[in-house]
PDB file of all heavy atoms in Angstrom:
ATOM      1  N   GLY A   1       1.599 -56.758   6.092  1.00  0.00           N
ATOM      2  CA  GLY A   1       1.416 -55.853   4.979  1.00  0.00           C
ATOM      3  C   GLY A   1       0.942 -56.531   3.706  1.00  0.00           C
ATOM      4  O   GLY A   1       0.084 -55.998   2.980  1.00  0.00           O
ATOM      5  N   ASP A   2       1.480 -57.722   3.413  1.00  0.00           N
ATOM      6  CA  ASP A   2       1.056 -58.423   2.209  1.00  0.00           C
ATOM      7  C   ASP A   2      -0.389 -58.909   2.330  1.00  0.00           C
ATOM      8  O   ASP A   2      -1.130 -58.957   1.336  1.00  0.00           O
ATOM      9  CB  ASP A   2       2.001 -59.581   1.876  1.00  0.00           C
ATOM     10  CG  ASP A   2       2.242 -60.518   3.053  1.00  0.00           C
ATOM     11  OD1 ASP A   2       1.938 -60.156   4.202  1.00  0.00           O
ATOM     12  OD2 ASP A   2       2.781 -61.619   2.829  1.00  0.00           O
ATOM     13  N   SER A   3      -0.814 -59.250   3.552  1.00  0.00           N
ATOM     14  CA  SER A   3      -2.203 -59.670   3.779  1.00  0.00           C
ATOM     15  C   SER A   3      -3.164 -58.532   3.444  1.00  0.00           C
ATOM     16  O   SER A   3      -4.189 -58.738   2.777  1.00  0.00           O
ATOM     17  CB  SER A   3      -2.414 -60.088   5.231  1.00  0.00           C
ATOM     18  OG  SER A   3      -1.423 -60.960   5.693  1.00  0.00           O
ATOM     19  N   VAL A   4      -2.853 -57.333   3.926  1.00  0.00           N
ATOM     20  CA  VAL A   4      -3.745 -56.192   3.722  1.00  0.00           C
ATOM     21  C   VAL A   4      -3.718 -55.757   2.255  1.00  0.00           C
ATOM     22  O   VAL A   4      -4.746 -55.356   1.695  1.00  0.00           O
ATOM     23  CB  VAL A   4      -3.357 -55.041   4.676  1.00  0.00           C
ATOM     24  CG1 VAL A   4      -4.288 -53.845   4.481  1.00  0.00           C
ATOM     25  CG2 VAL A   4      -3.419 -55.513   6.128  1.00  0.00           C
ATOM     26  N   TRP A   5      -2.560 -55.861   1.606  1.00  0.00           N
ATOM     27  CA  TRP A   5      -2.464 -55.537   0.178  1.00  0.00           C
ATOM     28  C   TRP A   5      -3.366 -56.465  -0.632  1.00  0.00           C
ATOM     29  O   TRP A   5      -4.096 -56.021  -1.529  1.00  0.00           O
ATOM     30  CB  TRP A   5      -1.021 -55.657  -0.288  1.00  0.00           C
ATOM     31  CG  TRP A   5      -0.771 -55.125  -1.670  1.00  0.00           C
ATOM     32  CD1 TRP A   5      -0.391 -53.868  -2.017  1.00  0.00           C
ATOM     33  CD2 TRP A   5      -0.906 -55.867  -2.904  1.00  0.00           C
ATOM     34  NE1 TRP A   5      -0.266 -53.763  -3.384  1.00  0.00           N
ATOM     35  CE2 TRP A   5      -0.585 -54.965  -3.960  1.00  0.00           C
ATOM     36  CE3 TRP A   5      -1.260 -57.177  -3.210  1.00  0.00           C
ATOM     37  CZ2 TRP A   5      -0.594 -55.354  -5.295  1.00  0.00           C
ATOM     38  CZ3 TRP A   5      -1.286 -57.561  -4.551  1.00  0.00           C
ATOM     39  CH2 TRP A   5      -0.961 -56.660  -5.571  1.00  0.00           C
ATOM     40  N   LYS A   6      -3.342 -57.749  -0.323  1.00  0.00           N
ATOM     41  CA  LYS A   6      -4.193 -58.700  -1.047  1.00  0.00           C
ATOM     42  C   LYS A   6      -5.669 -58.439  -0.743  1.00  0.00           C
ATOM     43  O   LYS A   6      -6.532 -58.585  -1.627  1.00  0.00           O
ATOM     44  CB  LYS A   6      -3.799 -60.135  -0.678  1.00  0.00           C
ATOM     45  CG  LYS A   6      -2.456 -60.560  -1.283  1.00  0.00           C
ATOM     46  CD  LYS A   6      -2.057 -61.958  -0.846  1.00  0.00           C
ATOM     47  CE  LYS A   6      -2.879 -63.035  -1.519  1.00  0.00           C
ATOM     48  NZ  LYS A   6      -2.594 -63.124  -2.975  1.00  0.00           N
ATOM     49  N   LEU A   7      -5.985 -58.065   0.491  1.00  0.00           N
ATOM     50  CA  LEU A   7      -7.355 -57.698   0.830  1.00  0.00           C
ATOM     51  C   LEU A   7      -7.807 -56.512  -0.017  1.00  0.00           C
ATOM     52  O   LEU A   7      -8.933 -56.498  -0.541  1.00  0.00           O
ATOM     53  CB  LEU A   7      -7.449 -57.351   2.316  1.00  0.00           C
ATOM     54  CG  LEU A   7      -8.727 -56.630   2.759  1.00  0.00           C
ATOM     55  CD1 LEU A   7      -9.951 -57.497   2.530  1.00  0.00           C
ATOM     56  CD2 LEU A   7      -8.620 -56.214   4.226  1.00  0.00           C
ATOM     57  N   ALA A   8      -6.938 -55.515  -0.173  1.00  0.00           N
ATOM     58  CA  ALA A   8      -7.292 -54.339  -0.970  1.00  0.00           C
ATOM     59  C   ALA A   8      -7.605 -54.725  -2.408  1.00  0.00           C
ATOM     60  O   ALA A   8      -8.546 -54.202  -3.021  1.00  0.00           O
ATOM     61  CB  ALA A   8      -6.151 -53.319  -0.919  1.00  0.00           C
ATOM     62  N   ARG A   9      -6.837 -55.668  -2.963  1.00  0.00           N
ATOM     63  CA  ARG A   9      -7.097 -56.092  -4.340  1.00  0.00           C
ATOM     64  C   ARG A   9      -8.430 -56.852  -4.426  1.00  0.00           C
ATOM     65  O   ARG A   9      -9.138 -56.759  -5.428  1.00  0.00           O
ATOM     66  CB  ARG A   9      -5.953 -56.969  -4.846  1.00  0.00           C
ATOM     67  CG  ARG A   9      -4.565 -56.324  -4.772  1.00  0.00           C
ATOM     68  CD  ARG A   9      -4.388 -55.150  -5.724  1.00  0.00           C
ATOM     69  NE  ARG A   9      -5.081 -53.931  -5.333  1.00  0.00           N
ATOM     70  CZ  ARG A   9      -4.654 -53.096  -4.378  1.00  0.00           C
ATOM     71  NH1 ARG A   9      -3.559 -53.361  -3.686  1.00  0.00           N
ATOM     72  NH2 ARG A   9      -5.331 -51.994  -4.126  1.00  0.00           N
ATOM     73  N   ARG A  10      -8.759 -57.607  -3.398  1.00  0.00           N
ATOM     74  CA  ARG A  10     -10.044 -58.318  -3.385  1.00  0.00           C
ATOM     75  C   ARG A  10     -11.199 -57.320  -3.311  1.00  0.00           C
ATOM     76  O   ARG A  10     -12.230 -57.485  -3.987  1.00  0.00           O
ATOM     77  CB  ARG A  10     -10.089 -59.290  -2.203  1.00  0.00           C
ATOM     78  CG  ARG A  10     -11.364 -60.109  -2.113  1.00  0.00           C
ATOM     79  CD  ARG A  10     -11.166 -61.372  -1.310  1.00  0.00           C
ATOM     80  NE  ARG A  10     -10.626 -61.120   0.010  1.00  0.00           N
ATOM     81  CZ  ARG A  10     -11.375 -60.816   1.079  1.00  0.00           C
ATOM     82  NH1 ARG A  10     -12.687 -60.732   0.976  1.00  0.00           N
ATOM     83  NH2 ARG A  10     -10.805 -60.636   2.251  1.00  0.00           N
ATOM     84  N   LEU A  11     -11.032 -56.261  -2.507  1.00  0.00           N
ATOM     85  CA  LEU A  11     -12.060 -55.223  -2.425  1.00  0.00           C
ATOM     86  C   LEU A  11     -12.152 -54.445  -3.732  1.00  0.00           C
ATOM     87  O   LEU A  11     -13.238 -54.001  -4.123  1.00  0.00           O
ATOM     88  CB  LEU A  11     -11.767 -54.284  -1.258  1.00  0.00           C
ATOM     89  CG  LEU A  11     -11.960 -54.894   0.139  1.00  0.00           C
ATOM     90  CD1 LEU A  11     -11.454 -53.943   1.217  1.00  0.00           C
ATOM     91  CD2 LEU A  11     -13.442 -55.230   0.386  1.00  0.00           C
ATOM     92  N   ASP A  12     -11.017 -54.286  -4.433  1.00  0.00           N
ATOM     93  CA  ASP A  12     -11.055 -53.662  -5.757  1.00  0.00           C
ATOM     94  C   ASP A  12     -12.031 -54.397  -6.669  1.00  0.00           C
ATOM     95  O   ASP A  12     -12.849 -53.780  -7.361  1.00  0.00           O
ATOM     96  CB  ASP A  12      -9.664 -53.707  -6.412  1.00  0.00           C
ATOM     97  CG  ASP A  12      -8.726 -52.616  -5.908  1.00  0.00           C
ATOM     98  OD1 ASP A  12      -9.190 -51.704  -5.205  1.00  0.00           O
ATOM     99  OD2 ASP A  12      -7.522 -52.693  -6.232  1.00  0.00           O
ATOM    100  N   ARG A  13     -11.914 -55.729  -6.671  1.00  0.00           N
ATOM    101  CA  ARG A  13     -12.757 -56.519  -7.572  1.00  0.00           C
ATOM    102  C   ARG A  13     -14.236 -56.369  -7.249  1.00  0.00           C
ATOM    103  O   ARG A  13     -15.090 -56.446  -8.140  1.00  0.00           O
ATOM    104  CB  ARG A  13     -12.346 -57.993  -7.505  1.00  0.00           C
ATOM    105  CG  ARG A  13     -10.947 -58.257  -8.057  1.00  0.00           C
ATOM    106  CD  ARG A  13     -10.672 -59.741  -8.213  1.00  0.00           C
ATOM    107  NE  ARG A  13     -10.564 -60.428  -6.939  1.00  0.00           N
ATOM    108  CZ  ARG A  13      -9.441 -60.557  -6.243  1.00  0.00           C
ATOM    109  NH1 ARG A  13      -8.318 -60.009  -6.699  1.00  0.00           N
ATOM    110  NH2 ARG A  13      -9.412 -61.220  -5.103  1.00  0.00           N
ATOM    111  N   GLY A  14     -14.558 -56.152  -5.972  1.00  0.00           N
ATOM    112  CA  GLY A  14     -15.955 -56.059  -5.585  1.00  0.00           C
ATOM    113  C   GLY A  14     -16.525 -54.656  -5.581  1.00  0.00           C
ATOM    114  O   GLY A  14     -17.735 -54.477  -5.767  1.00  0.00           O
ATOM    115  N   LEU A  15     -15.657 -53.626  -5.388  1.00  0.00           N
ATOM    116  CA  LEU A  15     -16.185 -52.288  -5.143  1.00  0.00           C
ATOM    117  C   LEU A  15     -15.644 -51.188  -6.041  1.00  0.00           C
ATOM    118  O   LEU A  15     -16.308 -50.160  -6.228  1.00  0.00           O
ATOM    119  CB  LEU A  15     -15.891 -51.872  -3.691  1.00  0.00           C
ATOM    120  CG  LEU A  15     -16.474 -52.697  -2.551  1.00  0.00           C
ATOM    121  CD1 LEU A  15     -16.035 -52.098  -1.225  1.00  0.00           C
ATOM    122  CD2 LEU A  15     -17.990 -52.748  -2.640  1.00  0.00           C
ATOM    123  N   LEU A  16     -14.448 -51.355  -6.580  1.00  0.00           N
ATOM    124  CA  LEU A  16     -13.783 -50.243  -7.260  1.00  0.00           C
ATOM    125  C   LEU A  16     -14.612 -49.714  -8.423  1.00  0.00           C
ATOM    126  O   LEU A  16     -15.092 -50.471  -9.273  1.00  0.00           O
ATOM    127  CB  LEU A  16     -12.415 -50.695  -7.770  1.00  0.00           C
ATOM    128  CG  LEU A  16     -11.458 -49.574  -8.187  1.00  0.00           C
ATOM    129  CD1 LEU A  16     -11.116 -48.684  -7.011  1.00  0.00           C
ATOM    130  CD2 LEU A  16     -10.181 -50.148  -8.792  1.00  0.00           C
ATOM    131  N   GLY A  17     -14.785 -48.389  -8.433  1.00  0.00           N
ATOM    132  CA  GLY A  17     -15.549 -47.744  -9.492  1.00  0.00           C
ATOM    133  C   GLY A  17     -17.049 -47.773  -9.288  1.00  0.00           C
ATOM    134  O   GLY A  17     -17.798 -47.171 -10.064  1.00  0.00           O
ATOM    135  N   ARG A  18     -17.517 -48.451  -8.238  1.00  0.00           N
ATOM    136  CA  ARG A  18     -18.948 -48.513  -7.959  1.00  0.00           C
ATOM    137  C   ARG A  18     -19.355 -47.354  -7.044  1.00  0.00           C
ATOM    138  O   ARG A  18     -18.552 -46.843  -6.277  1.00  0.00           O
ATOM    139  CB  ARG A  18     -19.336 -49.827  -7.291  1.00  0.00           C
ATOM    140  CG  ARG A  18     -19.508 -51.009  -8.215  1.00  0.00           C
ATOM    141  CD  ARG A  18     -18.217 -51.561  -8.712  1.00  0.00           C
ATOM    142  NE  ARG A  18     -18.352 -52.952  -9.167  1.00  0.00           N
ATOM    143  CZ  ARG A  18     -17.334 -53.700  -9.551  1.00  0.00           C
ATOM    144  NH1 ARG A  18     -16.102 -53.217  -9.523  1.00  0.00           N
ATOM    145  NH2 ARG A  18     -17.540 -54.938  -9.961  1.00  0.00           N
ATOM    146  N   THR A  19     -20.622 -47.014  -7.117  1.00  0.00           N
ATOM    147  CA  THR A  19     -21.171 -45.986  -6.244  1.00  0.00           C
ATOM    148  C   THR A  19     -21.899 -46.653  -5.084  1.00  0.00           C
ATOM    149  O   THR A  19     -22.678 -47.597  -5.276  1.00  0.00           O
ATOM    150  CB  THR A  19     -22.149 -45.081  -7.013  1.00  0.00           C
ATOM    151  OG1 THR A  19     -21.435 -44.401  -8.049  1.00  0.00           O
ATOM    152  CG2 THR A  19     -22.788 -44.053  -6.081  1.00  0.00           C
ATOM    153  N   VAL A  20     -21.628 -46.177  -3.895  1.00  0.00           N
ATOM    154  CA  VAL A  20     -22.263 -46.725  -2.694  1.00  0.00           C
ATOM    155  C   VAL A  20     -23.733 -46.314  -2.685  1.00  0.00           C
ATOM    156  O   VAL A  20     -24.057 -45.126  -2.767  1.00  0.00           O
ATOM    157  CB  VAL A  20     -21.553 -46.216  -1.420  1.00  0.00           C
ATOM    158  CG1 VAL A  20     -22.269 -46.719  -0.166  1.00  0.00           C
ATOM    159  CG2 VAL A  20     -20.091 -46.652  -1.422  1.00  0.00           C
ATOM    160  N   THR A  21     -24.609 -47.295  -2.597  1.00  0.00           N
ATOM    161  CA  THR A  21     -26.045 -47.010  -2.539  1.00  0.00           C
ATOM    162  C   THR A  21     -26.563 -46.995  -1.104  1.00  0.00           C
ATOM    163  O   THR A  21     -27.604 -46.395  -0.829  1.00  0.00           O
ATOM    164  CB  THR A  21     -26.834 -48.058  -3.349  1.00  0.00           C
ATOM    165  OG1 THR A  21     -26.501 -49.378  -2.873  1.00  0.00           O
ATOM    166  CG2 THR A  21     -26.473 -47.958  -4.828  1.00  0.00           C
ATOM    167  N   ARG A  22     -25.846 -47.665  -0.220  1.00  0.00           N
ATOM    168  CA  ARG A  22     -26.218 -47.649   1.200  1.00  0.00           C
ATOM    169  C   ARG A  22     -24.975 -47.904   2.029  1.00  0.00           C
ATOM    170  O   ARG A  22     -24.175 -48.783   1.708  1.00  0.00           O
ATOM    171  CB  ARG A  22     -27.258 -48.729   1.523  1.00  0.00           C
ATOM    172  CG  ARG A  22     -27.713 -48.725   2.985  1.00  0.00           C
ATOM    173  CD  ARG A  22     -28.786 -49.774   3.228  1.00  0.00           C
ATOM    174  NE  ARG A  22     -28.254 -51.132   3.198  1.00  0.00           N
ATOM    175  CZ  ARG A  22     -27.811 -51.778   4.283  1.00  0.00           C
ATOM    176  NH1 ARG A  22     -27.797 -51.182   5.473  1.00  0.00           N
ATOM    177  NH2 ARG A  22     -27.371 -53.019   4.174  1.00  0.00           N
ATOM    178  N   SER A  23     -24.819 -47.103   3.083  1.00  0.00           N
ATOM    179  CA  SER A  23     -23.712 -47.341   4.007  1.00  0.00           C
ATOM    180  C   SER A  23     -24.252 -47.382   5.423  1.00  0.00           C
ATOM    181  O   SER A  23     -25.246 -46.743   5.749  1.00  0.00           O
ATOM    182  CB  SER A  23     -22.633 -46.257   3.885  1.00  0.00           C
ATOM    183  OG  SER A  23     -23.049 -45.033   4.467  1.00  0.00           O
ATOM    184  N   ASP A  24     -23.564 -48.162   6.239  1.00  0.00           N
ATOM    185  CA  ASP A  24     -23.946 -48.291   7.650  1.00  0.00           C
ATOM    186  C   ASP A  24     -22.663 -48.448   8.442  1.00  0.00           C
ATOM    187  O   ASP A  24     -21.979 -49.474   8.344  1.00  0.00           O
ATOM    188  CB  ASP A  24     -24.854 -49.508   7.830  1.00  0.00           C
ATOM    189  CG  ASP A  24     -25.441 -49.612   9.239  1.00  0.00           C
ATOM    190  OD1 ASP A  24     -25.127 -48.737  10.072  1.00  0.00           O
ATOM    191  OD2 ASP A  24     -26.188 -50.577   9.485  1.00  0.00           O
ATOM    192  N   LEU A  25     -22.307 -47.429   9.204  1.00  0.00           N
ATOM    193  CA  LEU A  25     -21.095 -47.441  10.031  1.00  0.00           C
ATOM    194  C   LEU A  25     -21.527 -47.675  11.471  1.00  0.00           C
ATOM    195  O   LEU A  25     -22.056 -46.772  12.127  1.00  0.00           O
ATOM    196  CB  LEU A  25     -20.329 -46.130   9.882  1.00  0.00           C
ATOM    197  CG  LEU A  25     -19.965 -45.732   8.441  1.00  0.00           C
ATOM    198  CD1 LEU A  25     -19.198 -44.412   8.416  1.00  0.00           C
ATOM    199  CD2 LEU A  25     -19.170 -46.827   7.749  1.00  0.00           C
ATOM    200  N   ARG A  26     -21.314 -48.887  11.950  1.00  0.00           N
ATOM    201  CA  ARG A  26     -21.887 -49.296  13.226  1.00  0.00           C
ATOM    202  C   ARG A  26     -20.913 -49.121  14.381  1.00  0.00           C
ATOM    203  O   ARG A  26     -20.614 -50.046  15.137  1.00  0.00           O
ATOM    204  CB  ARG A  26     -22.355 -50.752  13.131  1.00  0.00           C
ATOM    205  CG  ARG A  26     -23.405 -50.966  12.063  1.00  0.00           C
ATOM    206  CD  ARG A  26     -23.824 -52.422  11.936  1.00  0.00           C
ATOM    207  NE  ARG A  26     -24.779 -52.629  10.843  1.00  0.00           N
ATOM    208  CZ  ARG A  26     -25.244 -53.809  10.471  1.00  0.00           C
ATOM    209  NH1 ARG A  26     -24.858 -54.910  11.120  1.00  0.00           N
ATOM    210  NH2 ARG A  26     -26.082 -53.914   9.459  1.00  0.00           N
ATOM    211  N   VAL A  27     -20.388 -47.936  14.500  1.00  0.00           N
ATOM    212  CA  VAL A  27     -19.609 -47.536  15.675  1.00  0.00           C
ATOM    213  C   VAL A  27     -20.169 -46.188  16.115  1.00  0.00           C
ATOM    214  O   VAL A  27     -20.541 -45.365  15.261  1.00  0.00           O
ATOM    215  CB  VAL A  27     -18.100 -47.443  15.376  1.00  0.00           C
ATOM    216  CG1 VAL A  27     -17.524 -48.825  15.075  1.00  0.00           C
ATOM    217  CG2 VAL A  27     -17.815 -46.500  14.211  1.00  0.00           C
ATOM    218  N   PRO A  28     -20.270 -45.947  17.420  1.00  0.00           N
ATOM    219  CA  PRO A  28     -20.998 -44.771  17.901  1.00  0.00           C
ATOM    220  C   PRO A  28     -20.563 -43.450  17.282  1.00  0.00           C
ATOM    221  O   PRO A  28     -21.403 -42.637  16.864  1.00  0.00           O
ATOM    222  CB  PRO A  28     -20.729 -44.805  19.410  1.00  0.00           C
ATOM    223  CG  PRO A  28     -20.550 -46.254  19.724  1.00  0.00           C
ATOM    224  CD  PRO A  28     -19.838 -46.820  18.528  1.00  0.00           C
ATOM    225  N   ARG A  29     -19.232 -43.189  17.149  1.00  0.00           N
ATOM    226  CA  ARG A  29     -18.827 -41.869  16.684  1.00  0.00           C
ATOM    227  C   ARG A  29     -19.009 -41.666  15.203  1.00  0.00           C
ATOM    228  O   ARG A  29     -18.943 -40.540  14.717  1.00  0.00           O
ATOM    229  CB  ARG A  29     -17.376 -41.551  17.057  1.00  0.00           C
ATOM    230  CG  ARG A  29     -16.473 -42.571  17.090  1.00  0.00           C
ATOM    231  CD  ARG A  29     -15.093 -42.333  17.668  1.00  0.00           C
ATOM    232  NE  ARG A  29     -14.235 -43.357  17.180  1.00  0.00           N
ATOM    233  CZ  ARG A  29     -13.637 -43.297  16.022  1.00  0.00           C
ATOM    234  NH1 ARG A  29     -13.758 -42.241  15.273  1.00  0.00           N
ATOM    235  NH2 ARG A  29     -12.904 -44.281  15.605  1.00  0.00           N
ATOM    236  N   LEU A  30     -19.290 -42.764  14.453  1.00  0.00           N
ATOM    237  CA  LEU A  30     -19.488 -42.631  13.017  1.00  0.00           C
ATOM    238  C   LEU A  30     -20.911 -42.993  12.587  1.00  0.00           C
ATOM    239  O   LEU A  30     -21.221 -42.974  11.401  1.00  0.00           O
ATOM    240  CB  LEU A  30     -18.499 -43.536  12.261  1.00  0.00           C
ATOM    241  CG  LEU A  30     -17.014 -43.279  12.484  1.00  0.00           C
ATOM    242  CD1 LEU A  30     -16.184 -44.270  11.682  1.00  0.00           C
ATOM    243  CD2 LEU A  30     -16.637 -41.847  12.118  1.00  0.00           C
ATOM    244  N   ALA A  31     -21.754 -43.282  13.552  1.00  0.00           N
ATOM    245  CA  ALA A  31     -23.085 -43.828  13.251  1.00  0.00           C
ATOM    246  C   ALA A  31     -23.937 -42.891  12.398  1.00  0.00           C
ATOM    247  O   ALA A  31     -24.815 -43.351  11.658  1.00  0.00           O
ATOM    248  CB  ALA A  31     -23.811 -44.176  14.538  1.00  0.00           C
ATOM    249  N   THR A  32     -23.705 -41.597  12.478  1.00  0.00           N
ATOM    250  CA  THR A  32     -24.530 -40.654  11.713  1.00  0.00           C
ATOM    251  C   THR A  32     -23.904 -40.280  10.372  1.00  0.00           C
ATOM    252  O   THR A  32     -24.509 -39.529   9.603  1.00  0.00           O
ATOM    253  CB  THR A  32     -24.771 -39.368  12.523  1.00  0.00           C
ATOM    254  OG1 THR A  32     -23.512 -38.738  12.799  1.00  0.00           O
ATOM    255  CG2 THR A  32     -25.478 -39.682  13.841  1.00  0.00           C
ATOM    256  N   ARG A  33     -22.717 -40.789  10.079  1.00  0.00           N
ATOM    257  CA  ARG A  33     -22.043 -40.463   8.826  1.00  0.00           C
ATOM    258  C   ARG A  33     -22.563 -41.367   7.705  1.00  0.00           C
ATOM    259  O   ARG A  33     -22.856 -42.547   7.935  1.00  0.00           O
ATOM    260  CB  ARG A  33     -20.525 -40.627   8.965  1.00  0.00           C
ATOM    261  CG  ARG A  33     -19.918 -39.801  10.097  1.00  0.00           C
ATOM    262  CD  ARG A  33     -20.010 -38.311   9.836  1.00  0.00           C
ATOM    263  NE  ARG A  33     -19.242 -37.922   8.667  1.00  0.00           N
ATOM    264  CZ  ARG A  33     -17.946 -37.610   8.699  1.00  0.00           C
ATOM    265  NH1 ARG A  33     -17.273 -37.660   9.845  1.00  0.00           N
ATOM    266  NH2 ARG A  33     -17.323 -37.241   7.600  1.00  0.00           N
ATOM    267  N   ASP A  34     -22.654 -40.827   6.516  1.00  0.00           N
ATOM    268  CA  ASP A  34     -23.251 -41.565   5.398  1.00  0.00           C
ATOM    269  C   ASP A  34     -22.354 -41.446   4.166  1.00  0.00           C
ATOM    270  O   ASP A  34     -22.003 -40.338   3.750  1.00  0.00           O
ATOM    271  CB  ASP A  34     -24.639 -41.000   5.097  1.00  0.00           C
ATOM    272  CG  ASP A  34     -25.415 -41.825   4.080  1.00  0.00           C
ATOM    273  OD1 ASP A  34     -24.905 -42.877   3.655  1.00  0.00           O
ATOM    274  OD2 ASP A  34     -26.528 -41.404   3.722  1.00  0.00           O
ATOM    275  N   LEU A  35     -21.984 -42.582   3.586  1.00  0.00           N
ATOM    276  CA  LEU A  35     -21.150 -42.594   2.387  1.00  0.00           C
ATOM    277  C   LEU A  35     -21.955 -42.843   1.117  1.00  0.00           C
ATOM    278  O   LEU A  35     -21.380 -42.969   0.034  1.00  0.00           O
ATOM    279  CB  LEU A  35     -20.067 -43.668   2.529  1.00  0.00           C
ATOM    280  CG  LEU A  35     -19.027 -43.410   3.634  1.00  0.00           C
ATOM    281  CD1 LEU A  35     -18.151 -44.635   3.846  1.00  0.00           C
ATOM    282  CD2 LEU A  35     -18.177 -42.193   3.288  1.00  0.00           C
ATOM    283  N   SER A  36     -23.271 -42.889   1.240  1.00  0.00           N
ATOM    284  CA  SER A  36     -24.126 -43.117   0.082  1.00  0.00           C
ATOM    285  C   SER A  36     -23.909 -42.028  -0.973  1.00  0.00           C
ATOM    286  O   SER A  36     -23.735 -40.853  -0.647  1.00  0.00           O
ATOM    287  CB  SER A  36     -25.601 -43.129   0.490  1.00  0.00           C
ATOM    288  OG  SER A  36     -25.847 -44.175   1.406  1.00  0.00           O
ATOM    289  N   GLY A  37     -23.903 -42.456  -2.233  1.00  0.00           N
ATOM    290  CA  GLY A  37     -23.728 -41.516  -3.325  1.00  0.00           C
ATOM    291  C   GLY A  37     -22.280 -41.270  -3.705  1.00  0.00           C
ATOM    292  O   GLY A  37     -22.008 -40.622  -4.718  1.00  0.00           O
ATOM    293  N   ARG A  38     -21.351 -41.797  -2.933  1.00  0.00           N
ATOM    294  CA  ARG A  38     -19.926 -41.619  -3.224  1.00  0.00           C
ATOM    295  C   ARG A  38     -19.391 -42.824  -4.000  1.00  0.00           C
ATOM    296  O   ARG A  38     -19.752 -43.966  -3.719  1.00  0.00           O
ATOM    297  CB  ARG A  38     -19.121 -41.430  -1.946  1.00  0.00           C
ATOM    298  CG  ARG A  38     -19.491 -40.175  -1.151  1.00  0.00           C
ATOM    299  CD  ARG A  38     -18.605 -40.036   0.077  1.00  0.00           C
ATOM    300  NE  ARG A  38     -19.007 -38.926   0.921  1.00  0.00           N
ATOM    301  CZ  ARG A  38     -18.561 -37.668   0.799  1.00  0.00           C
ATOM    302  NH1 ARG A  38     -17.676 -37.399  -0.161  1.00  0.00           N
ATOM    303  NH2 ARG A  38     -18.967 -36.724   1.607  1.00  0.00           N
ATOM    304  N   GLU A  39     -18.499 -42.538  -4.938  1.00  0.00           N
ATOM    305  CA  GLU A  39     -17.865 -43.602  -5.710  1.00  0.00           C
ATOM    306  C   GLU A  39     -16.618 -44.095  -4.998  1.00  0.00           C
ATOM    307  O   GLU A  39     -15.864 -43.303  -4.409  1.00  0.00           O
ATOM    308  CB  GLU A  39     -17.488 -43.087  -7.094  1.00  0.00           C
ATOM    309  CG  GLU A  39     -16.818 -44.123  -7.984  1.00  0.00           C
ATOM    310  CD  GLU A  39     -16.355 -43.543  -9.300  1.00  0.00           C
ATOM    311  OE1 GLU A  39     -16.807 -42.428  -9.650  1.00  0.00           O
ATOM    312  OE2 GLU A  39     -15.535 -44.193  -9.986  1.00  0.00           O
ATOM    313  N   VAL A  40     -16.413 -45.407  -5.000  1.00  0.00           N
ATOM    314  CA  VAL A  40     -15.183 -45.983  -4.447  1.00  0.00           C
ATOM    315  C   VAL A  40     -14.086 -45.802  -5.497  1.00  0.00           C
ATOM    316  O   VAL A  40     -14.150 -46.382  -6.583  1.00  0.00           O
ATOM    317  CB  VAL A  40     -15.370 -47.481  -4.124  1.00  0.00           C
ATOM    318  CG1 VAL A  40     -14.086 -48.040  -3.521  1.00  0.00           C
ATOM    319  CG2 VAL A  40     -16.546 -47.691  -3.184  1.00  0.00           C
ATOM    320  N   ILE A  41     -13.075 -44.992  -5.174  1.00  0.00           N
ATOM    321  CA  ILE A  41     -12.070 -44.663  -6.187  1.00  0.00           C
ATOM    322  C   ILE A  41     -10.721 -45.343  -5.943  1.00  0.00           C
ATOM    323  O   ILE A  41      -9.915 -45.442  -6.859  1.00  0.00           O
ATOM    324  CB  ILE A  41     -11.868 -43.140  -6.314  1.00  0.00           C
ATOM    325  CG1 ILE A  41     -11.411 -42.524  -4.992  1.00  0.00           C
ATOM    326  CG2 ILE A  41     -13.153 -42.468  -6.782  1.00  0.00           C
ATOM    327  CD1 ILE A  41     -11.046 -41.055  -5.109  1.00  0.00           C
ATOM    328  N   GLU A  42     -10.482 -45.852  -4.728  1.00  0.00           N
ATOM    329  CA  GLU A  42      -9.190 -46.516  -4.487  1.00  0.00           C
ATOM    330  C   GLU A  42      -9.212 -47.257  -3.164  1.00  0.00           C
ATOM    331  O   GLU A  42      -9.860 -46.823  -2.208  1.00  0.00           O
ATOM    332  CB  GLU A  42      -8.060 -45.478  -4.469  1.00  0.00           C
ATOM    333  CG  GLU A  42      -6.664 -46.070  -4.396  1.00  0.00           C
ATOM    334  CD  GLU A  42      -5.573 -45.016  -4.505  1.00  0.00           C
ATOM    335  OE1 GLU A  42      -5.877 -43.810  -4.458  1.00  0.00           O
ATOM    336  OE2 GLU A  42      -4.399 -45.416  -4.630  1.00  0.00           O
TER     337      GLU A  42
END
C-alpha cells in the first residue's frame, strides 16, 4: 500500500491538473477508448 501511495504522489507531480492530449490503451477491450481532452483530477 505504501508503494502505490508513493507512486500516486509521483504521478501527481507529472500529471495532476494537466489535460491529456493523447491516450493509448494497449489492451484489447480498451483499445478503442480515448481519454484525450480529459483533465487528470486525482
